[in-house]
Amino acid sequence: MNSVTLALSGASGMAYGLRLLECLIAADLDVNLLVSQAAHLVAKQELGVALPARASELERQLADGLNARDGQLRVYGRDDWNAPVASGSNPADAMVVCPCSMGTLAAIAHGMSDNLIERAADVTLKEQKKLILVPRETPFSTLHLENMLTLSRMNAVILPANPGFYHHPASVEALVDFIVARILDQLGIQHALMARWGEDH
């Protein structure tokens, strides 16, 4: 795997998405980053992080902060239909929506494609690339579950942000890494975020 599209939607759990971005850059993958308007609000509320509204400024800030190599990270606006991920002729190897709001999940399940996140997910599905959705909602309504089932039947991976506790997490960061580790496993990316089951015996 060489490239991943990462979308940050407006669900709670922005720490998962930003930590995943850090790990993807560290793994030397090319990353296309898509950020919804609501994600900016969530990042500010949950993490106290003010993400620049302009895609070019956000790209520069994140690339510098994560020590990305030149061209490794590309950030696109919600209506940037010229972005490579908007076309099946140039899809990434996989796409992750993390965190994934129920609105974004519903739009993807029904092929709405009203913004770049939804369009990129539609392209990922039609090109039969791996699509991983990380919903952070509770409880799930029947409609939520039906939309997830619809996407699962299209071979999307539904990976709720439900961390385990068998590794005895001692911090919020350890809980975040549990979910990020599961996402990296689905992408086939090596990591050392946590010990695997049975490794400590």
N, C-alpha and C. Protein backbone atom coordinates (compact mmCIF):
# COMPACT_ATOMS: atom_id res chain seq x y z
N MET A 1 0.83 -1.18 0.00
CA MET A 1 0.00 0.00 0.00
C MET A 1 0.88 1.24 0.00
N ASN A 2 0.56 2.17 -0.93
CA ASN A 2 1.37 3.38 -1.06
C ASN A 2 0.64 4.65 -0.69
N SER A 3 -0.68 4.66 -0.84
CA SER A 3 -1.42 5.89 -0.60
C SER A 3 -2.74 5.61 0.10
N VAL A 4 -3.12 6.53 0.97
CA VAL A 4 -4.37 6.41 1.72
C VAL A 4 -5.07 7.76 1.71
N THR A 5 -6.37 7.73 1.52
CA THR A 5 -7.19 8.92 1.71
C THR A 5 -7.76 8.87 3.12
N LEU A 6 -7.54 9.92 3.89
CA LEU A 6 -8.07 9.99 5.24
C LEU A 6 -9.04 11.16 5.31
N ALA A 7 -10.27 10.87 5.73
CA ALA A 7 -11.28 11.91 5.87
C ALA A 7 -11.63 12.08 7.34
N LEU A 8 -11.65 13.32 7.80
CA LEU A 8 -12.07 13.65 9.15
C LEU A 8 -13.44 14.29 9.05
N SER A 9 -14.47 13.59 9.53
CA SER A 9 -15.82 14.17 9.49
C SER A 9 -16.14 14.74 10.87
N GLY A 10 -17.37 15.17 11.07
CA GLY A 10 -17.73 15.91 12.27
C GLY A 10 -18.15 15.10 13.47
N ALA A 11 -17.84 13.83 13.52
CA ALA A 11 -18.17 13.03 14.70
C ALA A 11 -17.18 13.32 15.82
N SER A 12 -17.58 13.00 17.04
CA SER A 12 -16.65 13.07 18.16
C SER A 12 -15.56 12.02 17.95
N GLY A 13 -14.39 12.29 18.52
CA GLY A 13 -13.29 11.34 18.38
C GLY A 13 -12.21 11.83 17.44
N MET A 14 -12.00 13.15 17.39
CA MET A 14 -10.99 13.70 16.48
C MET A 14 -9.59 13.20 16.81
N ALA A 15 -9.35 12.83 18.07
CA ALA A 15 -8.04 12.32 18.44
C ALA A 15 -7.68 11.06 17.66
N TYR A 16 -8.67 10.24 17.35
CA TYR A 16 -8.41 9.04 16.56
C TYR A 16 -7.88 9.41 15.17
N GLY A 17 -8.56 10.34 14.52
CA GLY A 17 -8.16 10.71 13.16
C GLY A 17 -6.80 11.36 13.09
N LEU A 18 -6.51 12.25 14.02
CA LEU A 18 -5.21 12.93 13.99
C LEU A 18 -4.07 11.99 14.36
N ARG A 19 -4.32 11.08 15.26
CA ARG A 19 -3.29 10.09 15.60
C ARG A 19 -3.06 9.15 14.41
N LEU A 20 -4.13 8.77 13.72
CA LEU A 20 -3.98 7.93 12.53
C LEU A 20 -3.16 8.65 11.47
N LEU A 21 -3.43 9.93 11.27
CA LEU A 21 -2.66 10.72 10.31
C LEU A 21 -1.18 10.69 10.66
N GLU A 22 -0.87 10.88 11.93
CA GLU A 22 0.52 10.84 12.40
C GLU A 22 1.18 9.51 12.05
N CYS A 23 0.44 8.41 12.27
CA CYS A 23 1.00 7.07 12.01
C CYS A 23 1.16 6.81 10.52
N LEU A 24 0.25 7.29 9.70
CA LEU A 24 0.35 7.09 8.26
C LEU A 24 1.56 7.85 7.69
N ILE A 25 1.77 9.06 8.18
CA ILE A 25 2.94 9.83 7.74
C ILE A 25 4.22 9.14 8.19
N ALA A 26 4.24 8.66 9.43
CA ALA A 26 5.43 7.98 9.95
C ALA A 26 5.73 6.71 9.19
N ALA A 27 4.68 6.06 8.65
CA ALA A 27 4.84 4.83 7.86
C ALA A 27 5.24 5.12 6.42
N ASP A 28 5.42 6.41 6.08
CA ASP A 28 5.89 6.86 4.76
C ASP A 28 4.87 6.62 3.66
N LEU A 29 3.58 6.67 4.01
CA LEU A 29 2.54 6.59 3.00
C LEU A 29 2.18 7.98 2.51
N ASP A 30 1.78 8.08 1.25
CA ASP A 30 1.22 9.33 0.75
C ASP A 30 -0.21 9.44 1.26
N VAL A 31 -0.58 10.61 1.76
CA VAL A 31 -1.89 10.79 2.37
C VAL A 31 -2.64 11.95 1.72
N ASN A 32 -3.87 11.66 1.29
CA ASN A 32 -4.80 12.69 0.86
C ASN A 32 -5.72 12.96 2.03
N LEU A 33 -5.71 14.17 2.56
CA LEU A 33 -6.51 14.48 3.74
C LEU A 33 -7.70 15.35 3.35
N LEU A 34 -8.89 14.90 3.77
CA LEU A 34 -10.13 15.63 3.52
C LEU A 34 -10.74 15.96 4.88
N VAL A 35 -11.09 17.20 5.09
CA VAL A 35 -11.58 17.64 6.40
C VAL A 35 -12.91 18.37 6.21
N SER A 36 -13.95 17.89 6.89
CA SER A 36 -15.26 18.55 6.79
C SER A 36 -15.27 19.82 7.63
N GLN A 37 -16.23 20.68 7.37
CA GLN A 37 -16.37 21.91 8.14
C GLN A 37 -16.64 21.60 9.60
N ALA A 38 -17.49 20.60 9.84
CA ALA A 38 -17.81 20.23 11.22
C ALA A 38 -16.59 19.68 11.95
N ALA A 39 -15.68 19.04 11.23
CA ALA A 39 -14.47 18.50 11.86
C ALA A 39 -13.62 19.61 12.47
N HIS A 40 -13.61 20.78 11.85
CA HIS A 40 -12.88 21.91 12.41
C HIS A 40 -13.45 22.28 13.78
N LEU A 41 -14.77 22.27 13.88
CA LEU A 41 -15.41 22.61 15.15
C LEU A 41 -15.11 21.57 16.22
N VAL A 42 -15.14 20.29 15.84
CA VAL A 42 -14.88 19.22 16.79
C VAL A 42 -13.44 19.27 17.28
N ALA A 43 -12.50 19.52 16.37
CA ALA A 43 -11.08 19.59 16.75
C ALA A 43 -10.86 20.70 17.77
N LYS A 44 -11.54 21.82 17.57
CA LYS A 44 -11.40 22.94 18.50
C LYS A 44 -12.02 22.60 19.86
N GLN A 45 -13.21 21.98 19.84
CA GLN A 45 -13.91 21.67 21.09
C GLN A 45 -13.22 20.57 21.88
N GLU A 46 -12.81 19.49 21.21
CA GLU A 46 -12.28 18.32 21.91
C GLU A 46 -10.80 18.45 22.25
N LEU A 47 -10.03 19.06 21.36
CA LEU A 47 -8.58 19.05 21.52
C LEU A 47 -7.98 20.44 21.70
N GLY A 48 -8.82 21.47 21.54
CA GLY A 48 -8.28 22.82 21.61
C GLY A 48 -7.39 23.16 20.43
N VAL A 49 -7.59 22.44 19.32
CA VAL A 49 -6.76 22.62 18.12
C VAL A 49 -7.55 23.41 17.09
N ALA A 50 -7.01 24.53 16.67
CA ALA A 50 -7.63 25.35 15.63
C ALA A 50 -7.01 24.97 14.28
N LEU A 51 -7.76 24.24 13.49
CA LEU A 51 -7.28 23.84 12.16
C LEU A 51 -7.56 24.97 11.16
N PRO A 52 -6.55 25.41 10.42
CA PRO A 52 -6.77 26.48 9.44
C PRO A 52 -7.89 26.10 8.45
N ALA A 53 -8.69 27.09 8.08
CA ALA A 53 -9.81 26.84 7.18
C ALA A 53 -9.33 26.57 5.75
N ARG A 54 -8.27 27.25 5.34
CA ARG A 54 -7.74 27.06 3.98
C ARG A 54 -6.97 25.76 3.89
N ALA A 55 -7.27 24.99 2.86
CA ALA A 55 -6.61 23.69 2.68
C ALA A 55 -5.10 23.84 2.58
N SER A 56 -4.63 24.87 1.87
CA SER A 56 -3.19 25.06 1.69
C SER A 56 -2.50 25.36 3.01
N GLU A 57 -3.15 26.16 3.87
CA GLU A 57 -2.56 26.48 5.16
C GLU A 57 -2.57 25.27 6.09
N LEU A 58 -3.66 24.51 6.05
CA LEU A 58 -3.75 23.30 6.88
C LEU A 58 -2.69 22.29 6.44
N GLU A 59 -2.50 22.15 5.13
CA GLU A 59 -1.49 21.24 4.61
C GLU A 59 -0.10 21.62 5.11
N ARG A 60 0.21 22.89 5.04
CA ARG A 60 1.53 23.36 5.47
C ARG A 60 1.73 23.15 6.97
N GLN A 61 0.71 23.46 7.76
CA GLN A 61 0.82 23.31 9.21
C GLN A 61 1.00 21.86 9.62
N LEU A 62 0.20 20.97 9.04
CA LEU A 62 0.29 19.56 9.40
C LEU A 62 1.57 18.92 8.87
N ALA A 63 1.94 19.25 7.66
CA ALA A 63 3.16 18.68 7.08
C ALA A 63 4.38 19.06 7.89
N ASP A 64 4.44 20.33 8.32
CA ASP A 64 5.56 20.78 9.13
C ASP A 64 5.54 20.10 10.50
N GLY A 65 4.37 20.02 11.11
CA GLY A 65 4.26 19.44 12.44
C GLY A 65 4.56 17.96 12.49
N LEU A 66 4.29 17.26 11.38
CA LEU A 66 4.49 15.81 11.33
C LEU A 66 5.77 15.42 10.59
N ASN A 67 6.55 16.41 10.18
CA ASN A 67 7.80 16.17 9.45
C ASN A 67 7.58 15.34 8.20
N ALA A 68 6.51 15.66 7.48
CA ALA A 68 6.22 14.94 6.24
C ALA A 68 7.21 15.34 5.16
N ARG A 69 7.57 14.40 4.32
CA ARG A 69 8.44 14.73 3.20
C ARG A 69 7.65 15.54 2.18
N ASP A 70 8.34 16.19 1.27
CA ASP A 70 7.70 17.04 0.27
C ASP A 70 6.68 16.23 -0.54
N GLY A 71 5.46 16.73 -0.58
CA GLY A 71 4.42 16.09 -1.38
C GLY A 71 3.76 14.89 -0.73
N GLN A 72 4.18 14.53 0.47
CA GLN A 72 3.61 13.33 1.11
C GLN A 72 2.18 13.56 1.57
N LEU A 73 1.89 14.76 2.03
CA LEU A 73 0.55 15.09 2.53
C LEU A 73 -0.09 16.13 1.63
N ARG A 74 -1.30 15.81 1.17
CA ARG A 74 -2.07 16.75 0.36
C ARG A 74 -3.43 16.93 1.02
N VAL A 75 -3.83 18.18 1.22
CA VAL A 75 -5.10 18.49 1.84
C VAL A 75 -6.01 19.13 0.79
N TYR A 76 -7.26 18.67 0.74
CA TYR A 76 -8.21 19.17 -0.25
C TYR A 76 -9.48 19.67 0.44
N GLY A 77 -10.07 20.71 -0.12
CA GLY A 77 -11.31 21.26 0.40
C GLY A 77 -12.51 20.41 0.01
N ARG A 78 -13.65 20.66 0.68
CA ARG A 78 -14.85 19.83 0.50
C ARG A 78 -15.40 19.88 -0.92
N ASP A 79 -15.11 20.97 -1.65
CA ASP A 79 -15.64 21.12 -3.01
C ASP A 79 -14.54 21.12 -4.06
N ASP A 80 -13.39 20.56 -3.74
CA ASP A 80 -12.28 20.53 -4.69
C ASP A 80 -12.44 19.31 -5.61
N TRP A 81 -13.27 19.48 -6.62
CA TRP A 81 -13.59 18.36 -7.50
C TRP A 81 -12.45 18.01 -8.45
N ASN A 82 -11.39 18.82 -8.47
CA ASN A 82 -10.21 18.49 -9.26
C ASN A 82 -9.22 17.62 -8.49
N ALA A 83 -9.53 17.32 -7.24
CA ALA A 83 -8.64 16.46 -6.44
C ALA A 83 -8.57 15.07 -7.07
N PRO A 84 -7.42 14.43 -7.04
CA PRO A 84 -7.28 13.09 -7.64
C PRO A 84 -8.29 12.09 -7.10
N VAL A 85 -8.64 12.19 -5.83
CA VAL A 85 -9.53 11.20 -5.21
C VAL A 85 -10.96 11.31 -5.69
N ALA A 86 -11.28 12.36 -6.48
CA ALA A 86 -12.64 12.53 -6.99
C ALA A 86 -12.90 11.67 -8.22
N SER A 87 -11.87 11.02 -8.73
CA SER A 87 -12.02 10.24 -9.96
C SER A 87 -11.53 8.81 -9.79
N GLY A 88 -12.24 7.90 -10.40
CA GLY A 88 -11.83 6.49 -10.38
C GLY A 88 -10.57 6.24 -11.18
N SER A 89 -10.12 7.22 -11.97
CA SER A 89 -8.89 7.05 -12.73
C SER A 89 -7.65 7.27 -11.87
N ASN A 90 -7.85 7.79 -10.64
CA ASN A 90 -6.69 8.08 -9.79
C ASN A 90 -7.02 7.90 -8.31
N PRO A 91 -7.55 6.73 -7.94
CA PRO A 91 -7.93 6.54 -6.54
C PRO A 91 -6.72 6.19 -5.67
N ALA A 92 -6.86 6.44 -4.37
CA ALA A 92 -5.86 5.96 -3.43
C ALA A 92 -6.03 4.46 -3.25
N ASP A 93 -5.06 3.82 -2.63
CA ASP A 93 -5.13 2.38 -2.42
C ASP A 93 -6.21 2.01 -1.40
N ALA A 94 -6.53 2.95 -0.50
CA ALA A 94 -7.55 2.70 0.51
C ALA A 94 -8.04 4.05 1.03
N MET A 95 -9.19 4.01 1.70
CA MET A 95 -9.73 5.23 2.31
C MET A 95 -10.24 4.91 3.70
N VAL A 96 -10.00 5.85 4.62
CA VAL A 96 -10.50 5.74 5.99
C VAL A 96 -11.26 7.01 6.33
N VAL A 97 -12.46 6.86 6.87
CA VAL A 97 -13.19 8.01 7.40
C VAL A 97 -13.16 7.85 8.91
N CYS A 98 -12.38 8.72 9.58
CA CYS A 98 -12.12 8.56 11.01
C CYS A 98 -11.93 9.92 11.67
N PRO A 99 -12.85 10.35 12.52
CA PRO A 99 -14.09 9.67 12.87
C PRO A 99 -15.14 9.84 11.77
N CYS A 100 -16.13 8.97 11.78
CA CYS A 100 -17.17 8.98 10.75
C CYS A 100 -18.51 9.31 11.40
N SER A 101 -19.07 10.44 11.04
CA SER A 101 -20.38 10.82 11.57
C SER A 101 -21.47 9.97 10.94
N MET A 102 -22.60 9.90 11.60
CA MET A 102 -23.72 9.13 11.05
C MET A 102 -24.26 9.76 9.77
N GLY A 103 -24.16 11.09 9.67
CA GLY A 103 -24.59 11.75 8.45
C GLY A 103 -23.70 11.39 7.27
N THR A 104 -22.39 11.38 7.51
CA THR A 104 -21.44 11.00 6.45
C THR A 104 -21.64 9.55 6.07
N LEU A 105 -21.82 8.69 7.08
CA LEU A 105 -22.02 7.27 6.81
C LEU A 105 -23.27 7.04 5.98
N ALA A 106 -24.36 7.74 6.32
CA ALA A 106 -25.61 7.59 5.57
C ALA A 106 -25.44 8.07 4.13
N ALA A 107 -24.75 9.19 3.95
CA ALA A 107 -24.55 9.71 2.61
C ALA A 107 -23.72 8.75 1.75
N ILE A 108 -22.71 8.15 2.35
CA ILE A 108 -21.89 7.18 1.61
C ILE A 108 -22.71 5.95 1.27
N ALA A 109 -23.51 5.49 2.22
CA ALA A 109 -24.33 4.28 2.00
C ALA A 109 -25.30 4.46 0.84
N HIS A 110 -25.72 5.69 0.61
CA HIS A 110 -26.73 5.94 -0.42
C HIS A 110 -26.19 6.71 -1.62
N GLY A 111 -24.86 6.80 -1.72
CA GLY A 111 -24.23 7.36 -2.91
C GLY A 111 -24.53 8.82 -3.16
N MET A 112 -24.62 9.63 -2.10
CA MET A 112 -25.01 11.02 -2.28
C MET A 112 -23.95 11.84 -3.03
N SER A 113 -22.69 11.69 -2.65
CA SER A 113 -21.58 12.36 -3.34
C SER A 113 -21.76 13.87 -3.46
N ASP A 114 -22.25 14.51 -2.39
CA ASP A 114 -22.47 15.95 -2.41
C ASP A 114 -21.23 16.76 -2.05
N ASN A 115 -20.21 16.10 -1.53
CA ASN A 115 -18.95 16.79 -1.23
C ASN A 115 -17.81 15.83 -1.51
N LEU A 116 -16.58 16.29 -1.34
CA LEU A 116 -15.43 15.47 -1.75
C LEU A 116 -15.27 14.23 -0.88
N ILE A 117 -15.61 14.31 0.40
CA ILE A 117 -15.51 13.12 1.25
C ILE A 117 -16.44 12.03 0.73
N GLU A 118 -17.68 12.40 0.47
CA GLU A 118 -18.66 11.41 -0.01
C GLU A 118 -18.28 10.89 -1.39
N ARG A 119 -17.80 11.77 -2.27
CA ARG A 119 -17.40 11.35 -3.60
C ARG A 119 -16.19 10.41 -3.55
N ALA A 120 -15.20 10.74 -2.72
CA ALA A 120 -14.02 9.89 -2.61
C ALA A 120 -14.39 8.51 -2.09
N ALA A 121 -15.32 8.45 -1.14
CA ALA A 121 -15.78 7.15 -0.63
C ALA A 121 -16.52 6.38 -1.71
N ASP A 122 -17.33 7.08 -2.50
CA ASP A 122 -18.05 6.44 -3.61
C ASP A 122 -17.07 5.85 -4.62
N VAL A 123 -16.01 6.62 -4.93
CA VAL A 123 -14.98 6.13 -5.84
C VAL A 123 -14.29 4.90 -5.25
N THR A 124 -13.99 4.94 -3.97
CA THR A 124 -13.31 3.82 -3.32
C THR A 124 -14.15 2.55 -3.43
N LEU A 125 -15.44 2.68 -3.22
CA LEU A 125 -16.33 1.52 -3.31
C LEU A 125 -16.42 1.00 -4.75
N LYS A 126 -16.62 1.89 -5.69
CA LYS A 126 -16.82 1.43 -7.08
C LYS A 126 -15.56 0.86 -7.68
N GLU A 127 -14.41 1.34 -7.21
CA GLU A 127 -13.14 0.80 -7.69
C GLU A 127 -12.68 -0.42 -6.88
N GLN A 128 -13.52 -0.84 -5.92
CA GLN A 128 -13.27 -2.02 -5.09
C GLN A 128 -11.96 -1.92 -4.31
N LYS A 129 -11.69 -0.70 -3.82
CA LYS A 129 -10.59 -0.48 -2.91
C LYS A 129 -11.13 -0.61 -1.48
N LYS A 130 -10.24 -0.71 -0.51
CA LYS A 130 -10.68 -0.85 0.88
C LYS A 130 -11.19 0.47 1.43
N LEU A 131 -12.40 0.42 2.00
CA LEU A 131 -13.00 1.57 2.66
C LEU A 131 -13.27 1.21 4.11
N ILE A 132 -12.68 1.97 5.02
CA ILE A 132 -12.84 1.73 6.46
C ILE A 132 -13.56 2.92 7.07
N LEU A 133 -14.66 2.65 7.74
CA LEU A 133 -15.44 3.70 8.39
C LEU A 133 -15.37 3.50 9.89
N VAL A 134 -15.05 4.57 10.61
CA VAL A 134 -14.87 4.49 12.06
C VAL A 134 -15.94 5.35 12.74
N PRO A 135 -17.15 4.79 12.92
CA PRO A 135 -18.21 5.56 13.56
C PRO A 135 -17.97 5.72 15.06
N ARG A 136 -18.34 6.88 15.58
CA ARG A 136 -18.23 7.14 17.01
C ARG A 136 -19.58 7.70 17.46
N GLU A 137 -20.49 6.79 17.75
CA GLU A 137 -21.84 7.15 18.14
C GLU A 137 -22.39 6.09 19.07
N THR A 138 -23.23 6.47 20.00
CA THR A 138 -23.88 5.49 20.86
C THR A 138 -25.10 6.12 21.51
N PRO A 139 -26.22 5.40 21.59
CA PRO A 139 -26.43 4.10 20.97
C PRO A 139 -26.69 4.26 19.47
N PHE A 140 -26.60 3.16 18.74
CA PHE A 140 -26.94 3.17 17.33
C PHE A 140 -28.44 3.01 17.17
N SER A 141 -29.03 3.83 16.31
CA SER A 141 -30.44 3.64 15.97
C SER A 141 -30.58 2.54 14.94
N THR A 142 -31.78 2.10 14.70
CA THR A 142 -32.02 1.09 13.67
C THR A 142 -31.54 1.59 12.31
N LEU A 143 -31.78 2.88 12.04
CA LEU A 143 -31.34 3.45 10.77
C LEU A 143 -29.82 3.43 10.65
N HIS A 144 -29.12 3.77 11.75
CA HIS A 144 -27.65 3.70 11.74
C HIS A 144 -27.19 2.28 11.40
N LEU A 145 -27.80 1.32 12.06
CA LEU A 145 -27.40 -0.08 11.86
C LEU A 145 -27.71 -0.55 10.44
N GLU A 146 -28.84 -0.12 9.91
CA GLU A 146 -29.18 -0.51 8.54
C GLU A 146 -28.20 0.10 7.53
N ASN A 147 -27.80 1.35 7.76
CA ASN A 147 -26.82 1.97 6.87
C ASN A 147 -25.48 1.26 6.96
N MET A 148 -25.08 0.86 8.16
CA MET A 148 -23.82 0.12 8.32
C MET A 148 -23.90 -1.24 7.65
N LEU A 149 -25.05 -1.90 7.76
CA LEU A 149 -25.22 -3.19 7.10
C LEU A 149 -25.15 -3.04 5.59
N THR A 150 -25.77 -1.98 5.08
CA THR A 150 -25.71 -1.71 3.64
C THR A 150 -24.26 -1.58 3.18
N LEU A 151 -23.47 -0.84 3.93
CA LEU A 151 -22.07 -0.64 3.55
C LEU A 151 -21.24 -1.91 3.74
N SER A 152 -21.54 -2.66 4.77
CA SER A 152 -20.83 -3.92 4.98
C SER A 152 -21.07 -4.87 3.81
N ARG A 153 -22.27 -4.86 3.28
CA ARG A 153 -22.58 -5.70 2.12
C ARG A 153 -21.85 -5.24 0.86
N MET A 154 -21.36 -4.00 0.87
CA MET A 154 -20.54 -3.49 -0.23
C MET A 154 -19.05 -3.71 0.04
N ASN A 155 -18.75 -4.47 1.09
CA ASN A 155 -17.38 -4.80 1.49
C ASN A 155 -16.64 -3.65 2.18
N ALA A 156 -17.37 -2.64 2.64
CA ALA A 156 -16.75 -1.63 3.50
C ALA A 156 -16.51 -2.26 4.87
N VAL A 157 -15.47 -1.81 5.54
CA VAL A 157 -15.16 -2.28 6.90
C VAL A 157 -15.75 -1.28 7.89
N ILE A 158 -16.62 -1.76 8.76
CA ILE A 158 -17.20 -0.93 9.81
C ILE A 158 -16.41 -1.20 11.08
N LEU A 159 -15.66 -0.20 11.54
CA LEU A 159 -14.75 -0.37 12.67
C LEU A 159 -15.10 0.69 13.73
N PRO A 160 -16.10 0.41 14.56
CA PRO A 160 -16.50 1.41 15.57
C PRO A 160 -15.37 1.73 16.53
N ALA A 161 -15.37 2.97 16.99
CA ALA A 161 -14.33 3.41 17.93
C ALA A 161 -14.66 2.92 19.34
N ASN A 162 -14.59 1.60 19.51
CA ASN A 162 -14.87 0.95 20.79
C ASN A 162 -13.60 0.27 21.29
N PRO A 163 -12.78 0.98 22.04
CA PRO A 163 -11.50 0.39 22.47
C PRO A 163 -11.68 -0.74 23.48
N GLY A 164 -10.77 -1.69 23.43
CA GLY A 164 -10.75 -2.76 24.41
C GLY A 164 -9.97 -2.33 25.65
N PHE A 165 -10.02 -3.18 26.67
CA PHE A 165 -9.34 -2.86 27.92
C PHE A 165 -8.42 -3.98 28.40
N TYR A 166 -8.28 -5.02 27.58
CA TYR A 166 -7.46 -6.14 28.02
C TYR A 166 -5.98 -5.81 28.06
N HIS A 167 -5.57 -4.71 27.43
CA HIS A 167 -4.16 -4.30 27.48
C HIS A 167 -3.91 -3.33 28.64
N HIS A 168 -4.89 -3.16 29.52
CA HIS A 168 -4.76 -2.32 30.71
C HIS A 168 -4.28 -0.91 30.38
N PRO A 169 -5.08 -0.18 29.60
CA PRO A 169 -4.65 1.18 29.22
C PRO A 169 -4.54 2.08 30.45
N ALA A 170 -3.49 2.87 30.48
CA ALA A 170 -3.24 3.77 31.60
C ALA A 170 -3.46 5.22 31.23
N SER A 171 -3.90 5.48 29.99
CA SER A 171 -4.09 6.85 29.55
C SER A 171 -5.10 6.89 28.41
N VAL A 172 -5.61 8.07 28.15
CA VAL A 172 -6.49 8.27 27.00
C VAL A 172 -5.74 7.94 25.72
N GLU A 173 -4.47 8.29 25.68
CA GLU A 173 -3.67 8.01 24.47
C GLU A 173 -3.60 6.52 24.18
N ALA A 174 -3.54 5.70 25.22
CA ALA A 174 -3.50 4.25 25.02
C ALA A 174 -4.82 3.74 24.45
N LEU A 175 -5.93 4.35 24.85
CA LEU A 175 -7.23 3.98 24.29
C LEU A 175 -7.32 4.38 22.82
N VAL A 176 -6.82 5.56 22.51
CA VAL A 176 -6.79 6.03 21.12
C VAL A 176 -5.95 5.09 20.27
N ASP A 177 -4.77 4.73 20.78
CA ASP A 177 -3.86 3.86 20.02
C ASP A 177 -4.47 2.48 19.77
N PHE A 178 -5.33 2.01 20.67
CA PHE A 178 -5.98 0.71 20.46
C PHE A 178 -6.78 0.73 19.15
N ILE A 179 -7.56 1.78 18.94
CA ILE A 179 -8.37 1.87 17.73
C ILE A 179 -7.50 2.13 16.50
N VAL A 180 -6.53 3.02 16.64
CA VAL A 180 -5.65 3.30 15.51
C VAL A 180 -4.89 2.05 15.09
N ALA A 181 -4.50 1.23 16.06
CA ALA A 181 -3.81 -0.03 15.76
C ALA A 181 -4.70 -0.96 14.93
N ARG A 182 -5.99 -1.00 15.28
CA ARG A 182 -6.91 -1.85 14.53
C ARG A 182 -7.09 -1.35 13.09
N ILE A 183 -7.09 -0.04 12.93
CA ILE A 183 -7.20 0.52 11.58
C ILE A 183 -5.96 0.18 10.76
N LEU A 184 -4.79 0.36 11.36
CA LEU A 184 -3.55 0.04 10.65
C LEU A 184 -3.49 -1.44 10.30
N ASP A 185 -4.00 -2.30 11.18
CA ASP A 185 -4.06 -3.73 10.86
C ASP A 185 -4.90 -3.97 9.62
N GLN A 186 -6.04 -3.29 9.54
CA GLN A 186 -6.92 -3.45 8.38
C GLN A 186 -6.25 -2.97 7.09
N LEU A 187 -5.38 -1.98 7.22
CA LEU A 187 -4.66 -1.46 6.06
C LEU A 187 -3.42 -2.27 5.73
N GLY A 188 -3.05 -3.21 6.62
CA GLY A 188 -1.85 -4.00 6.41
C GLY A 188 -0.57 -3.24 6.66
N ILE A 189 -0.63 -2.25 7.55
CA ILE A 189 0.53 -1.42 7.86
C ILE A 189 1.14 -1.85 9.19
N GLN A 190 2.42 -2.11 9.18
CA GLN A 190 3.12 -2.54 10.39
C GLN A 190 3.13 -1.41 11.43
N HIS A 191 3.02 -1.78 12.70
CA HIS A 191 3.06 -0.79 13.76
C HIS A 191 3.48 -1.46 15.06
N ALA A 192 3.79 -0.64 16.04
CA ALA A 192 4.13 -1.14 17.37
C ALA A 192 3.38 -0.32 18.42
N LEU A 193 2.11 -0.01 18.14
CA LEU A 193 1.34 0.83 19.04
C LEU A 193 0.96 0.11 20.33
N MET A 194 0.81 -1.20 20.25
CA MET A 194 0.44 -1.96 21.44
C MET A 194 0.77 -3.42 21.23
N ALA A 195 0.93 -4.16 22.32
CA ALA A 195 1.18 -5.60 22.22
C ALA A 195 -0.07 -6.30 21.71
N ARG A 196 0.12 -7.33 20.92
CA ARG A 196 -1.01 -8.11 20.42
C ARG A 196 -1.41 -9.16 21.45
N TRP A 197 -2.64 -9.62 21.32
CA TRP A 197 -3.17 -10.61 22.24
C TRP A 197 -2.25 -11.82 22.31
N GLY A 198 -1.85 -12.21 23.52
CA GLY A 198 -1.01 -13.37 23.72
C GLY A 198 0.47 -13.11 23.67
N GLU A 199 0.89 -11.91 23.22
CA GLU A 199 2.31 -11.63 23.11
C GLU A 199 2.99 -11.48 24.47
N ASP A 200 2.22 -11.19 25.51
CA ASP A 200 2.81 -10.97 26.82
C ASP A 200 2.80 -12.25 27.67
N HIS A 201 2.50 -13.40 27.05
CA HIS A 201 2.45 -14.67 27.78
C HIS A 201 3.54 -15.60 27.26
